[in-house]
């Protein structure tokens, strides 16, 4: 039996709870949800509150299908304003102190040739995470709650097919702990490996505060490519550093969740988790 402070175990419980809430509807009581989970109400409430920071009943409000529209109405972030007021750059990334640099276009064109990329599996608030990094910083985070470990590995490795990949979780652990709020001993460095247009999109995503959202069209405006909404959506989907480069905060203009590379349930969970912690 996993320990109660095991983040992946918490997410497994929460993932099942989300399915129960969806099936029973927003009026489901704590007792009903706990019974479906095979737990006592008190145990379920304790586990849930440890993970989300709020009660299950409060969290249910963030999981409704209308939550994305509510976020757009109340917590829409105008990226152009953020950029104009000096919120760009490495000084702020959803409540973390993060610095970043981007691989040069020439290095990117070589598909990782000459790069050593270290990797390891880690617990996260959203299930088991595959994390990759170079000597310069984290370059990849993928979640496998809605896929398999093998698929997540193939996905990230395919981004830099000519790189050398070395399993070295201890080398990455301090950065990972800081990234997921376990223990921060310094800034979390990111090393963005992508085409210049993609990196522009990812930098724009990093201006969106935790608990807030924006739209694909707003991102296109912010990077001075207002007609490139479809290309922006593709770049958002190709973001290799999930969660830290918060592509989950990009929504459709209609308020729909849009897609998410690691599965819509994970996107919903992250958005609800951030909203709950903002208001806790």
C-alpha atoms as a PDB file:
ATOM      1  CA  UNK A   1       0.000   0.000   0.000  1.00  0.00           C
ATOM      2  CA  UNK A   2       1.532   3.345  -0.986  1.00  0.00           C
ATOM      3  CA  UNK A   3       2.179   5.929   1.674  1.00  0.00           C
ATOM      4  CA  UNK A   4      -0.376   8.715   2.041  1.00  0.00           C
ATOM      5  CA  UNK A   5       2.214  11.274   0.937  1.00  0.00           C
ATOM      6  CA  UNK A   6       2.882   9.427  -2.321  1.00  0.00           C
ATOM      7  CA  UNK A   7       1.897  11.948  -5.001  1.00  0.00           C
ATOM      8  CA  UNK A   8       1.254   9.364  -7.700  1.00  0.00           C
ATOM      9  CA  UNK A   9      -0.971   7.384  -5.368  1.00  0.00           C
ATOM     10  CA  UNK A  10      -2.923  10.552  -4.619  1.00  0.00           C
ATOM     11  CA  UNK A  11      -3.394  11.166  -8.329  1.00  0.00           C
ATOM     12  CA  UNK A  12      -4.543   7.592  -8.916  1.00  0.00           C
ATOM     13  CA  UNK A  13      -7.178   8.142  -6.230  1.00  0.00           C
ATOM     14  CA  UNK A  14      -8.123  11.535  -7.643  1.00  0.00           C
ATOM     15  CA  UNK A  15      -8.308  10.197 -11.183  1.00  0.00           C
ATOM     16  CA  UNK A  16     -10.801   7.583 -10.065  1.00  0.00           C
ATOM     17  CA  UNK A  17     -12.684  10.208  -8.045  1.00  0.00           C
ATOM     18  CA  UNK A  18     -12.968  12.451 -11.101  1.00  0.00           C
ATOM     19  CA  UNK A  19     -14.532   9.567 -13.033  1.00  0.00           C
ATOM     20  CA  UNK A  20     -17.002   9.001 -10.180  1.00  0.00           C
ATOM     21  CA  UNK A  21     -17.922  12.698 -10.008  1.00  0.00           C
ATOM     22  CA  UNK A  22     -18.497  12.751 -13.771  1.00  0.00           C
ATOM     23  CA  UNK A  23     -20.720   9.686 -13.561  1.00  0.00           C
ATOM     24  CA  UNK A  24     -22.726  10.650 -10.475  1.00  0.00           C
ATOM     25  CA  UNK A  25     -22.974  14.344 -11.266  1.00  0.00           C
ATOM     26  CA  UNK A  26     -22.145  17.486  -9.278  1.00  0.00           C
ATOM     27  CA  UNK A  27     -24.789  16.742  -6.646  1.00  0.00           C
ATOM     28  CA  UNK A  28     -23.011  13.599  -5.446  1.00  0.00           C
ATOM     29  CA  UNK A  29     -22.280  13.655  -1.725  1.00  0.00           C
ATOM     30  CA  UNK A  30     -18.969  12.950  -0.059  1.00  0.00           C
ATOM     31  CA  UNK A  31     -20.393   9.686   1.274  1.00  0.00           C
ATOM     32  CA  UNK A  32     -21.546   8.582  -2.184  1.00  0.00           C
ATOM     33  CA  UNK A  33     -18.176   9.315  -3.779  1.00  0.00           C
ATOM     34  CA  UNK A  34     -16.259   7.636  -0.950  1.00  0.00           C
ATOM     35  CA  UNK A  35     -18.481   4.558  -1.175  1.00  0.00           C
ATOM     36  CA  UNK A  36     -17.811   4.297  -4.911  1.00  0.00           C
ATOM     37  CA  UNK A  37     -14.097   4.557  -4.117  1.00  0.00           C
ATOM     38  CA  UNK A  38     -14.318   1.783  -1.525  1.00  0.00           C
ATOM     39  CA  UNK A  39     -13.187   4.108   1.267  1.00  0.00           C
ATOM     40  CA  UNK A  40     -14.641   5.626   4.372  1.00  0.00           C
ATOM     41  CA  UNK A  41     -15.766   9.221   3.978  1.00  0.00           C
ATOM     42  CA  UNK A  42     -13.194  10.392   6.537  1.00  0.00           C
ATOM     43  CA  UNK A  43     -10.261   8.637   4.831  1.00  0.00           C
ATOM     44  CA  UNK A  44     -11.273   9.849   1.397  1.00  0.00           C
ATOM     45  CA  UNK A  45     -11.710  13.423   2.650  1.00  0.00           C
ATOM     46  CA  UNK A  46      -8.251  13.351   4.230  1.00  0.00           C
ATOM     47  CA  UNK A  47      -6.520  12.006   1.110  1.00  0.00           C
ATOM     48  CA  UNK A  48      -8.395  14.402  -1.129  1.00  0.00           C
ATOM     49  CA  UNK A  49      -7.632  17.464   0.967  1.00  0.00           C
ATOM     50  CA  UNK A  50      -3.934  16.545   1.109  1.00  0.00           C
ATOM     51  CA  UNK A  51      -3.814  16.482  -2.691  1.00  0.00           C
ATOM     52  CA  UNK A  52      -6.131  19.346  -3.661  1.00  0.00           C
ATOM     53  CA  UNK A  53      -5.848  21.642  -0.664  1.00  0.00           C
ATOM     54  CA  UNK A  54      -9.638  21.938  -0.513  1.00  0.00           C
ATOM     55  CA  UNK A  55     -12.559  19.659   0.298  1.00  0.00           C
ATOM     56  CA  UNK A  56     -13.935  17.247  -2.317  1.00  0.00           C
ATOM     57  CA  UNK A  57     -17.167  19.272  -2.478  1.00  0.00           C
ATOM     58  CA  UNK A  58     -15.297  22.479  -3.287  1.00  0.00           C
ATOM     59  CA  UNK A  59     -13.145  20.700  -5.843  1.00  0.00           C
ATOM     60  CA  UNK A  60     -16.229  19.359  -7.621  1.00  0.00           C
ATOM     61  CA  UNK A  61     -17.020  22.908  -8.680  1.00  0.00           C
ATOM     62  CA  UNK A  62     -13.740  23.075 -10.562  1.00  0.00           C
ATOM     63  CA  UNK A  63     -14.435  19.853 -12.435  1.00  0.00           C
ATOM     64  CA  UNK A  64     -17.749  20.809 -13.971  1.00  0.00           C
ATOM     65  CA  UNK A  65     -17.874  21.122 -17.737  1.00  0.00           C
ATOM     66  CA  UNK A  66     -18.585  24.845 -17.344  1.00  0.00           C
ATOM     67  CA  UNK A  67     -15.440  25.497 -15.351  1.00  0.00           C
ATOM     68  CA  UNK A  68     -13.350  26.355 -18.413  1.00  0.00           C
ATOM     69  CA  UNK A  69     -15.898  28.967 -19.473  1.00  0.00           C
ATOM     70  CA  UNK A  70     -15.999  30.336 -15.939  1.00  0.00           C
ATOM     71  CA  UNK A  71     -12.214  30.619 -15.964  1.00  0.00           C
ATOM     72  CA  UNK A  72     -12.317  32.559 -19.208  1.00  0.00           C
ATOM     73  CA  UNK A  73     -14.936  34.895 -17.764  1.00  0.00           C
ATOM     74  CA  UNK A  74     -13.216  35.526 -14.439  1.00  0.00           C
ATOM     75  CA  UNK A  75      -9.518  34.703 -14.828  1.00  0.00           C
ATOM     76  CA  UNK A  76      -8.694  35.478 -18.414  1.00  0.00           C
ATOM     77  CA  UNK A  77      -5.120  36.751 -18.747  1.00  0.00           C
ATOM     78  CA  UNK A  78      -4.380  39.318 -21.418  1.00  0.00           C
ATOM     79  CA  UNK A  79      -0.916  38.344 -22.565  1.00  0.00           C
ATOM     80  CA  UNK A  80      -0.249  41.591 -24.383  1.00  0.00           C
ATOM     81  CA  UNK A  81      -0.732  43.460 -21.101  1.00  0.00           C
ATOM     82  CA  UNK A  82       1.531  41.027 -19.283  1.00  0.00           C
ATOM     83  CA  UNK A  83       4.259  41.497 -21.858  1.00  0.00           C
ATOM     84  CA  UNK A  84       3.870  45.295 -21.862  1.00  0.00           C
ATOM     85  CA  UNK A  85       4.160  45.503 -18.087  1.00  0.00           C
ATOM     86  CA  UNK A  86       7.391  43.575 -17.939  1.00  0.00           C
ATOM     87  CA  UNK A  87       6.093  40.176 -16.925  1.00  0.00           C
ATOM     88  CA  UNK A  88       7.994  38.446 -19.701  1.00  0.00           C
ATOM     89  CA  UNK A  89      11.269  36.621 -19.276  1.00  0.00           C
ATOM     90  CA  UNK A  90      12.466  34.255 -16.602  1.00  0.00           C
ATOM     91  CA  UNK A  91      11.221  36.071 -13.522  1.00  0.00           C
ATOM     92  CA  UNK A  92       7.859  34.375 -13.070  1.00  0.00           C
ATOM     93  CA  UNK A  93       6.370  30.992 -13.866  1.00  0.00           C
ATOM     94  CA  UNK A  94       3.196  30.046 -11.989  1.00  0.00           C
ATOM     95  CA  UNK A  95       4.515  30.779  -8.528  1.00  0.00           C
ATOM     96  CA  UNK A  96       7.914  29.209  -9.164  1.00  0.00           C
ATOM     97  CA  UNK A  97      11.221  30.974  -9.589  1.00  0.00           C
ATOM     98  CA  UNK A  98      12.313  29.680 -12.988  1.00  0.00           C
ATOM     99  CA  UNK A  99      14.989  30.680 -15.433  1.00  0.00           C
ATOM    100  CA  UNK A 100      15.199  29.452 -18.977  1.00  0.00           C
ATOM    101  CA  UNK A 101      17.149  29.534 -22.160  1.00  0.00           C
ATOM    102  CA  UNK A 102      16.431  28.164 -25.603  1.00  0.00           C
ATOM    103  CA  UNK A 103      18.514  25.938 -27.816  1.00  0.00           C
ATOM    104  CA  UNK A 104      19.869  27.796 -30.842  1.00  0.00           C
ATOM    105  CA  UNK A 105      18.084  27.147 -34.160  1.00  0.00           C
ATOM    106  CA  UNK A 106      21.223  25.478 -35.488  1.00  0.00           C
ATOM    107  CA  UNK A 107      21.421  23.102 -32.547  1.00  0.00           C
ATOM    108  CA  UNK A 108      17.713  22.369 -32.876  1.00  0.00           C
ATOM    109  CA  UNK A 109      18.133  21.481 -36.553  1.00  0.00           C
ATOM    110  CA  UNK A 110      20.652  18.811 -35.554  1.00  0.00           C
ATOM    111  CA  UNK A 111      17.865  16.931 -33.699  1.00  0.00           C
ATOM    112  CA  UNK A 112      19.797  16.658 -30.454  1.00  0.00           C
ATOM    113  CA  UNK A 113      23.036  15.411 -32.003  1.00  0.00           C
ATOM    114  CA  UNK A 114      25.849  15.863 -29.514  1.00  0.00           C
ATOM    115  CA  UNK A 115      23.432  16.404 -26.611  1.00  0.00           C
ATOM    116  CA  UNK A 116      23.277  14.183 -23.540  1.00  0.00           C
ATOM    117  CA  UNK A 117      19.758  14.046 -22.129  1.00  0.00           C
ATOM    118  CA  UNK A 118      19.262  12.550 -18.672  1.00  0.00           C
ATOM    119  CA  UNK A 119      15.941  10.999 -17.697  1.00  0.00           C
ATOM    120  CA  UNK A 120      14.057   9.450 -14.815  1.00  0.00           C
ATOM    121  CA  UNK A 121      10.595   8.579 -13.523  1.00  0.00           C
ATOM    122  CA  UNK A 122       9.154  10.617 -10.662  1.00  0.00           C
ATOM    123  CA  UNK A 123       5.979  10.920  -8.619  1.00  0.00           C
ATOM    124  CA  UNK A 124       4.006  14.074  -9.375  1.00  0.00           C
ATOM    125  CA  UNK A 125       0.656  15.519  -8.282  1.00  0.00           C
ATOM    126  CA  UNK A 126      -0.726  14.271 -11.629  1.00  0.00           C
ATOM    127  CA  UNK A 127       0.582  10.725 -11.705  1.00  0.00           C
ATOM    128  CA  UNK A 128       3.871   9.214 -12.724  1.00  0.00           C
ATOM    129  CA  UNK A 129       5.965  11.703 -14.700  1.00  0.00           C
ATOM    130  CA  UNK A 130       8.828  11.099 -17.109  1.00  0.00           C
ATOM    131  CA  UNK A 131      11.308  13.951 -16.697  1.00  0.00           C
ATOM    132  CA  UNK A 132      14.249  14.719 -18.962  1.00  0.00           C
ATOM    133  CA  UNK A 133      16.984  17.311 -18.750  1.00  0.00           C
ATOM    134  CA  UNK A 134      20.397  18.378 -19.964  1.00  0.00           C
ATOM    135  CA  UNK A 135      23.204  19.984 -17.984  1.00  0.00           C
ATOM    136  CA  UNK A 136      21.450  23.302 -18.684  1.00  0.00           C
ATOM    137  CA  UNK A 137      18.021  22.425 -17.315  1.00  0.00           C
ATOM    138  CA  UNK A 138      14.831  20.431 -17.680  1.00  0.00           C
ATOM    139  CA  UNK A 139      13.848  19.862 -21.300  1.00  0.00           C
ATOM    140  CA  UNK A 140      10.968  17.403 -21.065  1.00  0.00           C
ATOM    141  CA  UNK A 141       8.114  16.402 -18.755  1.00  0.00           C
ATOM    142  CA  UNK A 142       5.491  13.857 -19.812  1.00  0.00           C
ATOM    143  CA  UNK A 143       2.652  12.217 -17.894  1.00  0.00           C
ATOM    144  CA  UNK A 144       1.545   8.627 -18.364  1.00  0.00           C
ATOM    145  CA  UNK A 145      -1.731   8.548 -16.383  1.00  0.00           C
ATOM    146  CA  UNK A 146      -3.679   8.360 -19.658  1.00  0.00           C
ATOM    147  CA  UNK A 147      -1.094   6.442 -21.662  1.00  0.00           C
ATOM    148  CA  UNK A 148       1.716   3.979 -20.922  1.00  0.00           C
ATOM    149  CA  UNK A 149       5.248   4.481 -19.672  1.00  0.00           C
ATOM    150  CA  UNK A 150       6.570   3.103 -22.955  1.00  0.00           C
ATOM    151  CA  UNK A 151       4.462   5.521 -25.007  1.00  0.00           C
ATOM    152  CA  UNK A 152       5.583   8.504 -22.930  1.00  0.00           C
ATOM    153  CA  UNK A 153       9.215   7.486 -23.339  1.00  0.00           C
ATOM    154  CA  UNK A 154       8.879   7.036 -27.100  1.00  0.00           C
ATOM    155  CA  UNK A 155       7.105  10.379 -27.371  1.00  0.00           C
ATOM    156  CA  UNK A 156       9.844  12.401 -25.685  1.00  0.00           C
ATOM    157  CA  UNK A 157      12.771  10.482 -27.166  1.00  0.00           C
ATOM    158  CA  UNK A 158      11.360  11.101 -30.654  1.00  0.00           C
ATOM    159  CA  UNK A 159      11.689  14.867 -30.116  1.00  0.00           C
ATOM    160  CA  UNK A 160      15.510  14.605 -30.109  1.00  0.00           C
ATOM    161  CA  UNK A 161      16.269  11.374 -31.981  1.00  0.00           C
ATOM    162  CA  UNK A 162      20.011  11.928 -32.300  1.00  0.00           C
ATOM    163  CA  UNK A 163      20.665  12.704 -28.638  1.00  0.00           C
ATOM    164  CA  UNK A 164      22.246  10.295 -26.188  1.00  0.00           C
ATOM    165  CA  UNK A 165      19.769   9.340 -23.428  1.00  0.00           C
ATOM    166  CA  UNK A 166      21.096   8.355 -20.007  1.00  0.00           C
ATOM    167  CA  UNK A 167      18.969   7.211 -17.070  1.00  0.00           C
ATOM    168  CA  UNK A 168      20.022   9.445 -14.167  1.00  0.00           C
ATOM    169  CA  UNK A 169      17.107  10.340 -11.857  1.00  0.00           C
ATOM    170  CA  UNK A 170      19.361  11.501  -9.020  1.00  0.00           C
ATOM    171  CA  UNK A 171      20.848  14.128 -11.303  1.00  0.00           C
ATOM    172  CA  UNK A 172      17.395  15.578 -12.002  1.00  0.00           C
ATOM    173  CA  UNK A 173      15.793  15.106  -8.585  1.00  0.00           C
ATOM    174  CA  UNK A 174      16.509  18.563  -7.061  1.00  0.00           C
ATOM    175  CA  UNK A 175      14.968  20.309 -10.077  1.00  0.00           C
ATOM    176  CA  UNK A 176      11.991  17.950 -10.095  1.00  0.00           C
ATOM    177  CA  UNK A 177      11.336  18.432  -6.388  1.00  0.00           C
ATOM    178  CA  UNK A 178      11.360  22.188  -6.823  1.00  0.00           C
ATOM    179  CA  UNK A 179       9.154  21.971  -9.905  1.00  0.00           C
ATOM    180  CA  UNK A 180       6.434  20.017  -8.106  1.00  0.00           C
ATOM    181  CA  UNK A 181       6.664  22.028  -4.910  1.00  0.00           C
ATOM    182  CA  UNK A 182       8.272  19.362  -2.733  1.00  0.00           C
ATOM    183  CA  UNK A 183      11.499  21.158  -1.899  1.00  0.00           C
ATOM    184  CA  UNK A 184      13.076  24.172  -3.575  1.00  0.00           C
ATOM    185  CA  UNK A 185      16.810  24.721  -3.179  1.00  0.00           C
ATOM    186  CA  UNK A 186      17.178  27.197  -6.011  1.00  0.00           C
ATOM    187  CA  UNK A 187      15.708  28.219  -9.355  1.00  0.00           C
ATOM    188  CA  UNK A 188      14.341  25.586 -11.704  1.00  0.00           C
ATOM    189  CA  UNK A 189      16.231  25.896 -14.993  1.00  0.00           C
ATOM    190  CA  UNK A 190      14.463  25.038 -18.246  1.00  0.00           C
ATOM    191  CA  UNK A 191      16.196  24.314 -21.532  1.00  0.00           C
ATOM    192  CA  UNK A 192      13.684  24.757 -24.326  1.00  0.00           C
ATOM    193  CA  UNK A 193      14.407  22.626 -27.358  1.00  0.00           C
ATOM    194  CA  UNK A 194      12.213  23.695 -30.257  1.00  0.00           C
ATOM    195  CA  UNK A 195      11.872  25.702 -33.444  1.00  0.00           C
ATOM    196  CA  UNK A 196      11.935  29.510 -33.062  1.00  0.00           C
ATOM    197  CA  UNK A 197       8.151  29.859 -33.596  1.00  0.00           C
ATOM    198  CA  UNK A 198       7.440  27.141 -31.037  1.00  0.00           C
ATOM    199  CA  UNK A 199       9.679  28.828 -28.475  1.00  0.00           C
ATOM    200  CA  UNK A 200       7.829  32.125 -28.964  1.00  0.00           C
ATOM    201  CA  UNK A 201       4.568  30.349 -28.193  1.00  0.00           C
ATOM    202  CA  UNK A 202       6.030  28.594 -25.155  1.00  0.00           C
ATOM    203  CA  UNK A 203       7.413  31.874 -23.794  1.00  0.00           C
ATOM    204  CA  UNK A 204       3.938  33.390 -24.129  1.00  0.00           C
ATOM    205  CA  UNK A 205       2.438  30.468 -22.214  1.00  0.00           C
ATOM    206  CA  UNK A 206       4.833  31.157 -19.376  1.00  0.00           C
ATOM    207  CA  UNK A 207       3.223  34.556 -18.776  1.00  0.00           C
ATOM    208  CA  UNK A 208      -0.064  32.987 -17.658  1.00  0.00           C
ATOM    209  CA  UNK A 209      -0.302  32.956 -13.840  1.00  0.00           C
ATOM    210  CA  UNK A 210      -1.349  29.845 -11.961  1.00  0.00           C
ATOM    211  CA  UNK A 211      -5.129  29.536 -11.781  1.00  0.00           C
ATOM    212  CA  UNK A 212      -5.635  31.698 -14.880  1.00  0.00           C
ATOM    213  CA  UNK A 213      -6.153  30.864 -18.547  1.00  0.00           C
ATOM    214  CA  UNK A 214      -5.864  32.360 -22.021  1.00  0.00           C
ATOM    215  CA  UNK A 215      -6.896  31.407 -25.547  1.00  0.00           C
ATOM    216  CA  UNK A 216      -5.007  30.244 -28.606  1.00  0.00           C
ATOM    217  CA  UNK A 217      -6.014  33.419 -30.446  1.00  0.00           C
ATOM    218  CA  UNK A 218      -4.723  35.575 -27.586  1.00  0.00           C
ATOM    219  CA  UNK A 219      -1.381  33.808 -27.778  1.00  0.00           C
ATOM    220  CA  UNK A 220      -1.267  34.418 -31.533  1.00  0.00           C
ATOM    221  CA  UNK A 221      -1.877  38.125 -30.921  1.00  0.00           C
ATOM    222  CA  UNK A 222       0.785  38.288 -28.224  1.00  0.00           C
ATOM    223  CA  UNK A 223       3.510  36.883 -30.490  1.00  0.00           C
ATOM    224  CA  UNK A 224       2.512  39.178 -33.402  1.00  0.00           C
ATOM    225  CA  UNK A 225       1.055  36.393 -35.549  1.00  0.00           C
ATOM    226  CA  UNK A 226      -2.693  37.079 -35.166  1.00  0.00           C
ATOM    227  CA  UNK A 227      -3.691  34.853 -38.086  1.00  0.00           C
ATOM    228  CA  UNK A 228      -1.588  31.892 -36.996  1.00  0.00           C
ATOM    229  CA  UNK A 229      -4.082  30.463 -34.495  1.00  0.00           C
ATOM    230  CA  UNK A 230      -3.872  26.965 -35.954  1.00  0.00           C
ATOM    231  CA  UNK A 231      -0.054  27.037 -35.905  1.00  0.00           C
ATOM    232  CA  UNK A 232      -0.160  28.293 -32.325  1.00  0.00           C
ATOM    233  CA  UNK A 233      -2.377  25.367 -31.378  1.00  0.00           C
ATOM    234  CA  UNK A 234       0.115  22.965 -32.946  1.00  0.00           C
ATOM    235  CA  UNK A 235       3.012  24.585 -31.082  1.00  0.00           C
ATOM    236  CA  UNK A 236       1.085  24.413 -27.809  1.00  0.00           C
ATOM    237  CA  UNK A 237       0.513  20.710 -28.406  1.00  0.00           C
ATOM    238  CA  UNK A 238       4.211  20.161 -29.079  1.00  0.00           C
ATOM    239  CA  UNK A 239       5.313  21.710 -25.794  1.00  0.00           C
ATOM    240  CA  UNK A 240       7.802  19.209 -24.363  1.00  0.00           C
ATOM    241  CA  UNK A 241       7.910  20.554 -20.788  1.00  0.00           C
ATOM    242  CA  UNK A 242       4.370  19.922 -19.597  1.00  0.00           C
ATOM    243  CA  UNK A 243       3.080  21.742 -16.519  1.00  0.00           C
ATOM    244  CA  UNK A 244       6.120  24.043 -16.180  1.00  0.00           C
ATOM    245  CA  UNK A 245       5.407  25.527 -19.595  1.00  0.00           C
ATOM    246  CA  UNK A 246       1.672  25.648 -18.844  1.00  0.00           C
ATOM    247  CA  UNK A 247       0.043  24.605 -22.104  1.00  0.00           C
ATOM    248  CA  UNK A 248      -2.863  23.324 -19.991  1.00  0.00           C
ATOM    249  CA  UNK A 249      -3.864  26.986 -19.473  1.00  0.00           C
ATOM    250  CA  UNK A 250      -4.608  27.512 -23.171  1.00  0.00           C
ATOM    251  CA  UNK A 251      -8.307  27.123 -24.028  1.00  0.00           C
ATOM    252  CA  UNK A 252     -10.466  27.511 -27.078  1.00  0.00           C
ATOM    253  CA  UNK A 253     -12.114  30.896 -27.534  1.00  0.00           C
ATOM    254  CA  UNK A 254     -15.473  29.196 -26.948  1.00  0.00           C
ATOM    255  CA  UNK A 255     -14.356  28.133 -23.493  1.00  0.00           C
ATOM    256  CA  UNK A 256     -13.799  24.524 -24.529  1.00  0.00           C
ATOM    257  CA  UNK A 257     -10.817  22.725 -23.072  1.00  0.00           C
ATOM    258  CA  UNK A 258      -9.369  21.973 -26.483  1.00  0.00           C
ATOM    259  CA  UNK A 259      -6.835  19.181 -26.614  1.00  0.00           C
ATOM    260  CA  UNK A 260      -4.029  18.134 -24.314  1.00  0.00           C
ATOM    261  CA  UNK A 261      -1.091  16.021 -25.365  1.00  0.00           C
ATOM    262  CA  UNK A 262      -1.186  13.841 -22.242  1.00  0.00           C
ATOM    263  CA  UNK A 263      -4.969  13.456 -22.082  1.00  0.00           C
ATOM    264  CA  UNK A 264      -7.920  15.735 -21.298  1.00  0.00           C
ATOM    265  CA  UNK A 265      -8.457  14.168 -17.824  1.00  0.00           C
ATOM    266  CA  UNK A 266      -4.938  15.277 -16.868  1.00  0.00           C
ATOM    267  CA  UNK A 267      -5.605  18.792 -18.189  1.00  0.00           C
ATOM    268  CA  UNK A 268      -8.837  19.035 -16.219  1.00  0.00           C
ATOM    269  CA  UNK A 269      -7.100  17.807 -13.078  1.00  0.00           C
ATOM    270  CA  UNK A 270      -4.254  20.320 -13.398  1.00  0.00           C
ATOM    271  CA  UNK A 271      -6.588  23.272 -14.022  1.00  0.00           C
ATOM    272  CA  UNK A 272      -8.832  22.305 -11.122  1.00  0.00           C
ATOM    273  CA  UNK A 273      -5.827  21.675  -8.834  1.00  0.00           C
ATOM    274  CA  UNK A 274      -4.394  25.115  -9.617  1.00  0.00           C
ATOM    275  CA  UNK A 275      -7.743  26.865  -9.183  1.00  0.00           C
ATOM    276  CA  UNK A 276      -8.326  25.126  -5.863  1.00  0.00           C
ATOM    277  CA  UNK A 277      -4.915  26.081  -4.529  1.00  0.00           C
ATOM    278  CA  UNK A 278      -5.341  29.684  -5.665  1.00  0.00           C
ATOM    279  CA  UNK A 279      -8.518  29.988  -3.624  1.00  0.00           C
ATOM    280  CA  UNK A 280      -7.552  27.759  -0.687  1.00  0.00           C
END
